[in-house]
Each structure stands twice: as C-alpha cells, then as structure tokens.
Amino acid sequence: MPFAVPFAVPFAEIAESVGRTPAAVRQLASRARRRVREEAPRQSADRSGHQQAVEAFLAASTGGDLARLLEILDPDVVWRSDGGGIVTAARRPIVGHEKTARFVLGILQWVDLATIKILRREVNGAPGLVFLDSSGLTVVLAFTVHDGCITEIDAVVNPDKLRHLKFQE
C-alpha cells in the first residue's frame, strides 16, 4: 500500500479528491507536519523555571511594572481568552509582548486588587494562577513557559467552564 496520511487514506485518493497530484499532496502533508512541529507550544520541562516565570508575571502585572512584564513575556507571546460569550473577553488571540503586557495592565486598572484573592495552583499540570473575587471564581490563567519566558497565556473566564472548580486557600 502506498504511504498514507493519518486515517489510512492513500495520498493518491486524497489527490484525486482535491484535484492535485499525489506528489503535491505528499509535499503539502510534509509541510503541514513540519509547521505543526514548529508551531507546537514551546514549553520547558523545568518546573522551577516555570514557577519563577509565573511569579515574575504576577509581580510585574499586579505592580504595574510594564518594563518587567515585557522582560518575562516572550516577544511572540500569545494571550487567549475564553469568555464563552458570557463574560467579556478578548475575542481574538493577542500576539506580541507589548500588546499582551498593555492588555494585562489595562485590565488590572479596573480591578481592586485588595478585593481579589490570588491563588497559586496547578493548572493543566503546571503552575498557574487563580483569581477569586467575593462572588467566587473569576479567572484561571494557564501558562506555557520556555527558557524562562512566557510564550502562551490561556485565560478562562467562562463561568460555565469554571463553575465545577472548588479552590481553597
């Protein structure tokens, strides 16, 4: 059987379906696999470094320190928000350390940090942050860290996705 892409569909069959040659389909598949590998989340296995990056992010953001925030964020950092259409959140990913830093500091201008409990918790198997307000869970932040810099931040603010979580101090 000729080499096939996942799901055992031969390149010749795919080529026929999309109006390309089998060689062109093989090349497209190769490029797609390479791109997926290149764009996979860059994450360090260094738990201590991950924790330090999260702590530095927390200190810089809650302290309003733009310069330090820019240092800890990778130049190509991506911020994703999930409000589920229920809570206001960025609809599109925010890309770049300058835009992300300004976005974070802009949000925190409207937050009375004295009324928020910030907990350091495991989020998706790595150090993350949980912000609780007086009514309960507000936001969970998951971080991807590589070489001491934060490369991705996933902010979940959708109450339907957070309702089942119970956090204790």
N, C-alpha and C. Protein backbone atom coordinates (compact mmCIF):
# COMPACT_ATOMS: atom_id res chain seq x y z
N MET A 1 0.85 -1.19 0.00
CA MET A 1 0.00 0.00 0.00
C MET A 1 0.89 1.24 0.00
N PRO A 2 0.56 2.25 -0.79
CA PRO A 2 1.36 3.47 -0.81
C PRO A 2 1.31 4.17 0.54
N PHE A 3 2.33 5.01 0.79
CA PHE A 3 2.37 5.77 2.04
C PHE A 3 1.10 6.58 2.17
N ALA A 4 0.51 6.58 3.35
CA ALA A 4 -0.76 7.28 3.55
C ALA A 4 -0.65 8.25 4.70
N VAL A 5 -1.50 9.24 4.68
CA VAL A 5 -1.61 10.18 5.78
C VAL A 5 -2.39 9.50 6.90
N PRO A 6 -2.45 10.09 8.08
CA PRO A 6 -3.25 9.50 9.16
C PRO A 6 -4.66 9.17 8.68
N PHE A 7 -5.27 8.23 9.31
CA PHE A 7 -6.60 7.71 8.99
C PHE A 7 -6.55 6.79 7.78
N ALA A 8 -5.32 6.40 7.35
CA ALA A 8 -5.10 5.40 6.33
C ALA A 8 -5.74 5.74 4.98
N VAL A 9 -5.73 6.99 4.61
CA VAL A 9 -6.22 7.40 3.30
C VAL A 9 -4.99 7.61 2.42
N PRO A 10 -4.87 6.86 1.34
CA PRO A 10 -3.69 6.98 0.48
C PRO A 10 -3.61 8.37 -0.16
N PHE A 11 -2.37 8.84 -0.37
CA PHE A 11 -2.17 10.14 -1.00
C PHE A 11 -2.86 10.21 -2.36
N ALA A 12 -2.83 9.11 -3.11
CA ALA A 12 -3.45 9.11 -4.44
C ALA A 12 -4.95 9.40 -4.34
N GLU A 13 -5.58 8.84 -3.33
CA GLU A 13 -7.02 9.07 -3.15
C GLU A 13 -7.30 10.52 -2.75
N ILE A 14 -6.46 11.06 -1.88
CA ILE A 14 -6.61 12.47 -1.48
C ILE A 14 -6.38 13.37 -2.69
N ALA A 15 -5.34 13.05 -3.46
CA ALA A 15 -5.00 13.84 -4.65
C ALA A 15 -6.18 13.90 -5.61
N GLU A 16 -6.81 12.78 -5.81
CA GLU A 16 -7.96 12.74 -6.70
C GLU A 16 -9.10 13.62 -6.18
N SER A 17 -9.31 13.59 -4.87
CA SER A 17 -10.39 14.36 -4.25
C SER A 17 -10.17 15.87 -4.34
N VAL A 18 -8.90 16.28 -4.21
CA VAL A 18 -8.62 17.72 -4.17
C VAL A 18 -8.07 18.25 -5.49
N GLY A 19 -7.97 17.38 -6.49
CA GLY A 19 -7.52 17.83 -7.80
C GLY A 19 -6.05 18.16 -7.88
N ARG A 20 -5.24 17.43 -7.15
CA ARG A 20 -3.79 17.62 -7.14
C ARG A 20 -3.12 16.30 -7.48
N THR A 21 -1.81 16.35 -7.70
CA THR A 21 -1.07 15.11 -7.94
C THR A 21 -0.73 14.47 -6.60
N PRO A 22 -0.51 13.17 -6.58
CA PRO A 22 -0.07 12.53 -5.32
C PRO A 22 1.21 13.15 -4.77
N ALA A 23 2.14 13.52 -5.64
CA ALA A 23 3.39 14.15 -5.18
C ALA A 23 3.10 15.49 -4.50
N ALA A 24 2.20 16.27 -5.08
CA ALA A 24 1.85 17.57 -4.49
C ALA A 24 1.18 17.37 -3.13
N VAL A 25 0.33 16.37 -3.01
CA VAL A 25 -0.34 16.09 -1.74
C VAL A 25 0.67 15.65 -0.69
N ARG A 26 1.63 14.81 -1.09
CA ARG A 26 2.69 14.38 -0.16
C ARG A 26 3.47 15.59 0.34
N GLN A 27 3.80 16.51 -0.59
CA GLN A 27 4.54 17.71 -0.21
C GLN A 27 3.73 18.59 0.75
N LEU A 28 2.45 18.76 0.47
CA LEU A 28 1.58 19.54 1.37
C LEU A 28 1.52 18.91 2.76
N ALA A 29 1.41 17.60 2.81
CA ALA A 29 1.37 16.89 4.10
C ALA A 29 2.68 17.08 4.85
N SER A 30 3.79 16.99 4.13
CA SER A 30 5.09 17.17 4.76
C SER A 30 5.23 18.58 5.34
N ARG A 31 4.83 19.57 4.55
CA ARG A 31 4.88 20.96 5.04
C ARG A 31 3.97 21.17 6.24
N ALA A 32 2.80 20.56 6.21
CA ALA A 32 1.86 20.69 7.33
C ALA A 32 2.43 20.06 8.60
N ARG A 33 3.03 18.87 8.48
CA ARG A 33 3.63 18.23 9.65
C ARG A 33 4.75 19.08 10.22
N ARG A 34 5.60 19.63 9.32
CA ARG A 34 6.71 20.48 9.76
C ARG A 34 6.18 21.73 10.47
N ARG A 35 5.15 22.33 9.90
CA ARG A 35 4.58 23.55 10.52
C ARG A 35 3.98 23.24 11.89
N VAL A 36 3.31 22.12 12.02
CA VAL A 36 2.74 21.74 13.31
C VAL A 36 3.87 21.56 14.33
N ARG A 37 4.96 20.90 13.94
CA ARG A 37 6.10 20.72 14.85
C ARG A 37 6.69 22.07 15.25
N GLU A 38 6.87 22.96 14.27
CA GLU A 38 7.47 24.27 14.54
C GLU A 38 6.59 25.15 15.41
N GLU A 39 5.28 25.03 15.26
CA GLU A 39 4.38 25.91 15.99
C GLU A 39 3.78 25.26 17.24
N ALA A 40 4.26 24.09 17.57
CA ALA A 40 3.79 23.45 18.79
C ALA A 40 4.21 24.32 19.97
N PRO A 41 3.41 24.30 21.03
CA PRO A 41 3.78 25.12 22.19
C PRO A 41 5.19 24.82 22.65
N ARG A 42 5.95 25.87 22.83
CA ARG A 42 7.31 25.72 23.33
C ARG A 42 7.23 25.73 24.85
N GLN A 43 7.50 24.61 25.44
CA GLN A 43 7.37 24.51 26.88
C GLN A 43 8.59 23.84 27.48
N SER A 44 9.08 24.41 28.53
CA SER A 44 10.23 23.86 29.22
C SER A 44 9.77 22.82 30.23
N ALA A 45 10.58 21.81 30.40
CA ALA A 45 10.28 20.79 31.41
C ALA A 45 10.75 21.26 32.78
N ASP A 46 11.38 22.41 32.85
CA ASP A 46 11.92 22.94 34.10
C ASP A 46 10.80 23.56 34.93
N ARG A 47 10.29 22.78 35.89
CA ARG A 47 9.17 23.23 36.72
C ARG A 47 9.52 24.47 37.53
N SER A 48 10.73 24.50 38.05
CA SER A 48 11.17 25.64 38.85
C SER A 48 11.18 26.91 38.01
N GLY A 49 11.70 26.82 36.79
CA GLY A 49 11.72 27.97 35.89
C GLY A 49 10.33 28.42 35.52
N HIS A 50 9.43 27.45 35.35
CA HIS A 50 8.03 27.76 35.04
C HIS A 50 7.41 28.56 36.20
N GLN A 51 7.63 28.06 37.41
CA GLN A 51 7.08 28.73 38.60
C GLN A 51 7.66 30.14 38.74
N GLN A 52 8.95 30.29 38.49
CA GLN A 52 9.58 31.61 38.59
C GLN A 52 8.99 32.58 37.57
N ALA A 53 8.74 32.09 36.36
CA ALA A 53 8.15 32.95 35.33
C ALA A 53 6.75 33.39 35.72
N VAL A 54 5.96 32.47 36.27
CA VAL A 54 4.60 32.80 36.70
C VAL A 54 4.65 33.83 37.84
N GLU A 55 5.56 33.63 38.79
CA GLU A 55 5.70 34.58 39.90
C GLU A 55 6.14 35.95 39.39
N ALA A 56 7.06 35.97 38.44
CA ALA A 56 7.53 37.25 37.87
C ALA A 56 6.39 37.94 37.13
N PHE A 57 5.58 37.18 36.42
CA PHE A 57 4.42 37.73 35.72
C PHE A 57 3.45 38.34 36.74
N LEU A 58 3.17 37.62 37.81
CA LEU A 58 2.25 38.10 38.83
C LEU A 58 2.77 39.39 39.47
N ALA A 59 4.03 39.41 39.85
CA ALA A 59 4.60 40.59 40.50
C ALA A 59 4.59 41.79 39.55
N ALA A 60 5.00 41.57 38.31
CA ALA A 60 5.06 42.68 37.35
C ALA A 60 3.67 43.20 37.01
N SER A 61 2.72 42.29 36.80
CA SER A 61 1.39 42.73 36.40
C SER A 61 0.65 43.41 37.54
N THR A 62 0.69 42.84 38.73
CA THR A 62 -0.01 43.47 39.85
C THR A 62 0.71 44.71 40.34
N GLY A 63 2.00 44.82 40.05
CA GLY A 63 2.77 46.00 40.42
C GLY A 63 2.76 47.08 39.35
N GLY A 64 2.12 46.78 38.22
CA GLY A 64 2.05 47.76 37.14
C GLY A 64 3.39 48.03 36.46
N ASP A 65 4.31 47.06 36.52
CA ASP A 65 5.66 47.22 36.01
C ASP A 65 5.75 46.76 34.55
N LEU A 66 5.49 47.68 33.63
CA LEU A 66 5.48 47.35 32.20
C LEU A 66 6.84 46.81 31.75
N ALA A 67 7.92 47.44 32.15
CA ALA A 67 9.25 47.01 31.71
C ALA A 67 9.53 45.56 32.14
N ARG A 68 9.22 45.23 33.36
CA ARG A 68 9.46 43.86 33.84
C ARG A 68 8.52 42.88 33.14
N LEU A 69 7.29 43.28 32.89
CA LEU A 69 6.34 42.42 32.19
C LEU A 69 6.85 42.12 30.78
N LEU A 70 7.39 43.11 30.12
CA LEU A 70 7.94 42.90 28.78
C LEU A 70 9.13 41.94 28.80
N GLU A 71 9.89 41.96 29.88
CA GLU A 71 11.04 41.05 30.01
C GLU A 71 10.60 39.60 30.17
N ILE A 72 9.55 39.36 30.93
CA ILE A 72 9.13 37.99 31.22
C ILE A 72 8.29 37.38 30.10
N LEU A 73 7.69 38.23 29.28
CA LEU A 73 6.89 37.74 28.15
C LEU A 73 7.77 37.57 26.92
N ASP A 74 7.65 36.42 26.29
CA ASP A 74 8.34 36.17 25.03
C ASP A 74 7.87 37.21 24.00
N PRO A 75 8.75 37.67 23.12
CA PRO A 75 8.32 38.67 22.12
C PRO A 75 7.11 38.21 21.30
N ASP A 76 6.95 36.90 21.12
CA ASP A 76 5.83 36.37 20.33
C ASP A 76 4.75 35.72 21.20
N VAL A 77 4.67 36.12 22.45
CA VAL A 77 3.68 35.55 23.37
C VAL A 77 2.28 35.66 22.77
N VAL A 78 1.45 34.67 23.10
CA VAL A 78 0.05 34.67 22.65
C VAL A 78 -0.84 34.59 23.89
N TRP A 79 -1.78 35.52 23.99
CA TRP A 79 -2.80 35.53 25.05
C TRP A 79 -4.11 35.10 24.42
N ARG A 80 -4.74 34.06 25.00
CA ARG A 80 -6.05 33.61 24.54
C ARG A 80 -7.02 33.73 25.71
N SER A 81 -8.21 34.24 25.41
CA SER A 81 -9.24 34.37 26.44
C SER A 81 -10.45 33.54 26.05
N ASP A 82 -11.09 32.96 27.05
CA ASP A 82 -12.32 32.20 26.82
C ASP A 82 -13.39 32.71 27.76
N GLY A 83 -14.24 33.57 27.21
CA GLY A 83 -15.38 34.07 27.98
C GLY A 83 -16.65 33.34 27.64
N GLY A 84 -16.60 32.49 26.63
CA GLY A 84 -17.75 31.69 26.23
C GLY A 84 -18.96 32.51 25.80
N GLY A 85 -18.75 33.77 25.46
CA GLY A 85 -19.87 34.62 25.07
C GLY A 85 -20.71 35.07 26.27
N ILE A 86 -20.25 34.69 27.45
CA ILE A 86 -20.99 35.02 28.68
C ILE A 86 -20.32 36.18 29.40
N VAL A 87 -19.00 36.16 29.42
CA VAL A 87 -18.20 37.16 30.11
C VAL A 87 -17.35 37.87 29.06
N THR A 88 -17.15 39.15 29.22
CA THR A 88 -16.33 39.90 28.28
C THR A 88 -14.91 39.37 28.29
N ALA A 89 -14.40 39.06 27.11
CA ALA A 89 -13.03 38.56 26.95
C ALA A 89 -12.56 38.94 25.56
N ALA A 90 -11.25 38.95 25.37
CA ALA A 90 -10.70 39.23 24.04
C ALA A 90 -11.20 38.16 23.08
N ARG A 91 -11.79 38.58 21.99
CA ARG A 91 -12.36 37.62 21.03
C ARG A 91 -11.30 36.92 20.21
N ARG A 92 -10.22 37.61 19.96
CA ARG A 92 -9.13 37.05 19.15
C ARG A 92 -7.88 36.96 20.01
N PRO A 93 -6.98 36.05 19.68
CA PRO A 93 -5.72 35.99 20.43
C PRO A 93 -4.97 37.32 20.32
N ILE A 94 -4.30 37.67 21.38
CA ILE A 94 -3.45 38.86 21.40
C ILE A 94 -2.03 38.35 21.24
N VAL A 95 -1.33 38.85 20.24
CA VAL A 95 0.00 38.35 19.92
C VAL A 95 1.04 39.45 20.10
N GLY A 96 2.12 39.09 20.78
CA GLY A 96 3.23 40.01 20.99
C GLY A 96 3.30 40.49 22.43
N HIS A 97 4.52 40.66 22.91
CA HIS A 97 4.68 41.00 24.32
C HIS A 97 4.21 42.41 24.65
N GLU A 98 4.37 43.34 23.73
CA GLU A 98 3.91 44.71 24.02
C GLU A 98 2.39 44.77 24.12
N LYS A 99 1.70 44.20 23.15
CA LYS A 99 0.23 44.21 23.16
C LYS A 99 -0.31 43.44 24.37
N THR A 100 0.30 42.29 24.65
CA THR A 100 -0.16 41.48 25.78
C THR A 100 0.06 42.20 27.10
N ALA A 101 1.23 42.78 27.27
CA ALA A 101 1.53 43.49 28.52
C ALA A 101 0.57 44.66 28.73
N ARG A 102 0.33 45.41 27.69
CA ARG A 102 -0.59 46.55 27.81
C ARG A 102 -2.03 46.08 28.07
N PHE A 103 -2.40 44.97 27.47
CA PHE A 103 -3.72 44.39 27.70
C PHE A 103 -3.88 43.99 29.18
N VAL A 104 -2.89 43.28 29.70
CA VAL A 104 -2.94 42.83 31.10
C VAL A 104 -3.00 44.03 32.04
N LEU A 105 -2.14 44.99 31.83
CA LEU A 105 -2.13 46.17 32.70
C LEU A 105 -3.41 46.98 32.55
N GLY A 106 -3.97 47.00 31.35
CA GLY A 106 -5.25 47.68 31.13
C GLY A 106 -6.38 47.04 31.91
N ILE A 107 -6.40 45.72 31.92
CA ILE A 107 -7.43 45.01 32.70
C ILE A 107 -7.28 45.32 34.17
N LEU A 108 -6.04 45.26 34.66
CA LEU A 108 -5.81 45.43 36.09
C LEU A 108 -6.07 46.86 36.57
N GLN A 109 -6.16 47.81 35.66
CA GLN A 109 -6.54 49.17 36.06
C GLN A 109 -7.95 49.21 36.63
N TRP A 110 -8.78 48.28 36.18
CA TRP A 110 -10.19 48.26 36.57
C TRP A 110 -10.47 47.32 37.73
N VAL A 111 -9.42 46.69 38.25
CA VAL A 111 -9.59 45.70 39.32
C VAL A 111 -9.06 46.26 40.63
N ASP A 112 -9.85 46.10 41.67
CA ASP A 112 -9.39 46.46 43.01
C ASP A 112 -8.71 45.23 43.58
N LEU A 113 -7.39 45.19 43.49
CA LEU A 113 -6.63 44.01 43.91
C LEU A 113 -6.82 43.68 45.39
N ALA A 114 -7.23 44.67 46.18
CA ALA A 114 -7.46 44.41 47.61
C ALA A 114 -8.66 43.49 47.81
N THR A 115 -9.54 43.40 46.82
CA THR A 115 -10.73 42.55 46.95
C THR A 115 -10.58 41.21 46.24
N ILE A 116 -9.42 40.97 45.64
CA ILE A 116 -9.18 39.75 44.87
C ILE A 116 -8.20 38.85 45.62
N LYS A 117 -8.53 37.58 45.69
CA LYS A 117 -7.60 36.59 46.22
C LYS A 117 -6.90 35.96 45.03
N ILE A 118 -5.58 35.94 45.09
CA ILE A 118 -4.80 35.33 44.02
C ILE A 118 -4.16 34.07 44.58
N LEU A 119 -4.53 32.94 43.98
CA LEU A 119 -4.03 31.65 44.43
C LEU A 119 -3.08 31.06 43.40
N ARG A 120 -2.02 30.48 43.88
CA ARG A 120 -1.10 29.75 43.01
C ARG A 120 -1.55 28.30 43.01
N ARG A 121 -1.95 27.81 41.85
CA ARG A 121 -2.49 26.45 41.75
C ARG A 121 -1.98 25.76 40.51
N GLU A 122 -2.08 24.45 40.53
CA GLU A 122 -1.79 23.66 39.34
C GLU A 122 -2.89 23.91 38.33
N VAL A 123 -2.51 24.25 37.13
CA VAL A 123 -3.47 24.45 36.04
C VAL A 123 -2.93 23.67 34.85
N ASN A 124 -3.68 22.69 34.43
CA ASN A 124 -3.25 21.83 33.33
C ASN A 124 -1.89 21.20 33.61
N GLY A 125 -1.65 20.85 34.86
CA GLY A 125 -0.43 20.14 35.22
C GLY A 125 0.81 21.00 35.42
N ALA A 126 0.65 22.31 35.46
CA ALA A 126 1.79 23.21 35.64
C ALA A 126 1.36 24.37 36.52
N PRO A 127 2.33 25.09 37.09
CA PRO A 127 1.99 26.23 37.92
C PRO A 127 1.16 27.27 37.14
N GLY A 128 0.10 27.71 37.77
CA GLY A 128 -0.78 28.71 37.17
C GLY A 128 -1.35 29.61 38.26
N LEU A 129 -2.29 30.43 37.87
CA LEU A 129 -2.89 31.38 38.82
C LEU A 129 -4.41 31.31 38.76
N VAL A 130 -5.02 31.49 39.92
CA VAL A 130 -6.47 31.54 40.04
C VAL A 130 -6.80 32.84 40.76
N PHE A 131 -7.69 33.62 40.16
CA PHE A 131 -8.13 34.88 40.75
C PHE A 131 -9.56 34.71 41.22
N LEU A 132 -9.80 34.97 42.50
CA LEU A 132 -11.13 34.84 43.08
C LEU A 132 -11.61 36.20 43.56
N ASP A 133 -12.85 36.52 43.21
CA ASP A 133 -13.44 37.73 43.78
C ASP A 133 -14.44 37.31 44.85
N SER A 134 -15.14 38.25 45.41
CA SER A 134 -16.04 37.95 46.52
C SER A 134 -17.19 37.03 46.11
N SER A 135 -17.52 36.99 44.83
CA SER A 135 -18.63 36.14 44.38
C SER A 135 -18.16 34.74 43.99
N GLY A 136 -16.86 34.51 43.99
CA GLY A 136 -16.34 33.18 43.62
C GLY A 136 -15.27 33.29 42.57
N LEU A 137 -15.15 32.27 41.77
CA LEU A 137 -14.10 32.18 40.78
C LEU A 137 -14.25 33.23 39.69
N THR A 138 -13.20 33.92 39.38
CA THR A 138 -13.21 34.96 38.38
C THR A 138 -12.44 34.54 37.14
N VAL A 139 -11.19 34.11 37.29
CA VAL A 139 -10.36 33.75 36.14
C VAL A 139 -9.30 32.74 36.54
N VAL A 140 -8.99 31.86 35.61
CA VAL A 140 -7.89 30.91 35.76
C VAL A 140 -6.92 31.18 34.62
N LEU A 141 -5.63 31.33 34.98
CA LEU A 141 -4.59 31.55 33.98
C LEU A 141 -3.67 30.35 33.91
N ALA A 142 -3.52 29.81 32.71
CA ALA A 142 -2.56 28.74 32.45
C ALA A 142 -1.44 29.32 31.61
N PHE A 143 -0.22 28.91 31.90
CA PHE A 143 0.94 29.47 31.23
C PHE A 143 1.75 28.39 30.52
N THR A 144 2.32 28.77 29.39
CA THR A 144 3.33 27.96 28.73
C THR A 144 4.62 28.76 28.83
N VAL A 145 5.69 28.10 29.29
CA VAL A 145 6.95 28.79 29.54
C VAL A 145 8.06 28.06 28.79
N HIS A 146 8.95 28.83 28.19
CA HIS A 146 10.11 28.27 27.50
C HIS A 146 11.31 29.15 27.78
N ASP A 147 12.38 28.55 28.24
CA ASP A 147 13.63 29.27 28.54
C ASP A 147 13.38 30.49 29.43
N GLY A 148 12.52 30.34 30.43
CA GLY A 148 12.28 31.40 31.39
C GLY A 148 11.32 32.49 30.94
N CYS A 149 10.82 32.40 29.72
CA CYS A 149 9.87 33.40 29.22
C CYS A 149 8.51 32.76 28.98
N ILE A 150 7.48 33.52 29.22
CA ILE A 150 6.11 33.05 28.99
C ILE A 150 5.81 33.17 27.50
N THR A 151 5.45 32.04 26.89
CA THR A 151 5.17 32.02 25.45
C THR A 151 3.67 32.00 25.16
N GLU A 152 2.88 31.52 26.12
CA GLU A 152 1.42 31.48 25.94
C GLU A 152 0.74 31.68 27.29
N ILE A 153 -0.39 32.37 27.25
CA ILE A 153 -1.24 32.53 28.43
C ILE A 153 -2.66 32.23 27.98
N ASP A 154 -3.29 31.30 28.67
CA ASP A 154 -4.68 30.97 28.40
C ASP A 154 -5.50 31.41 29.59
N ALA A 155 -6.42 32.35 29.36
CA ALA A 155 -7.27 32.90 30.41
C ALA A 155 -8.68 32.36 30.24
N VAL A 156 -9.13 31.61 31.23
CA VAL A 156 -10.51 31.10 31.19
C VAL A 156 -11.33 31.94 32.16
N VAL A 157 -12.33 32.63 31.61
CA VAL A 157 -13.23 33.44 32.43
C VAL A 157 -14.68 33.00 32.26
N ASN A 158 -14.90 32.03 31.41
CA ASN A 158 -16.24 31.49 31.16
C ASN A 158 -16.75 30.80 32.43
N PRO A 159 -17.78 31.36 33.08
CA PRO A 159 -18.26 30.78 34.34
C PRO A 159 -18.77 29.35 34.18
N ASP A 160 -19.28 29.00 33.01
CA ASP A 160 -19.75 27.63 32.79
C ASP A 160 -18.60 26.63 32.86
N LYS A 161 -17.42 27.05 32.44
CA LYS A 161 -16.26 26.16 32.48
C LYS A 161 -15.59 26.15 33.84
N LEU A 162 -15.88 27.14 34.67
CA LEU A 162 -15.22 27.25 35.97
C LEU A 162 -16.11 26.84 37.14
N ARG A 163 -17.39 26.74 36.89
CA ARG A 163 -18.37 26.50 37.95
C ARG A 163 -18.04 25.27 38.81
N HIS A 164 -17.57 24.23 38.18
CA HIS A 164 -17.32 22.95 38.89
C HIS A 164 -16.04 22.99 39.74
N LEU A 165 -15.21 23.99 39.57
CA LEU A 165 -13.94 24.05 40.29
C LEU A 165 -14.14 24.62 41.68
N LYS A 166 -13.47 24.02 42.61
CA LYS A 166 -13.50 24.49 44.00
C LYS A 166 -12.07 24.71 44.44
N PHE A 167 -11.75 25.94 44.81
CA PHE A 167 -10.39 26.25 45.23
C PHE A 167 -10.42 26.69 46.68
N GLN A 168 -9.49 26.18 47.42
CA GLN A 168 -9.34 26.59 48.82
C GLN A 168 -8.01 27.31 48.96
N GLU A 169 -7.98 28.21 49.90
CA GLU A 169 -6.74 28.99 50.09
C GLU A 169 -5.69 28.15 50.75
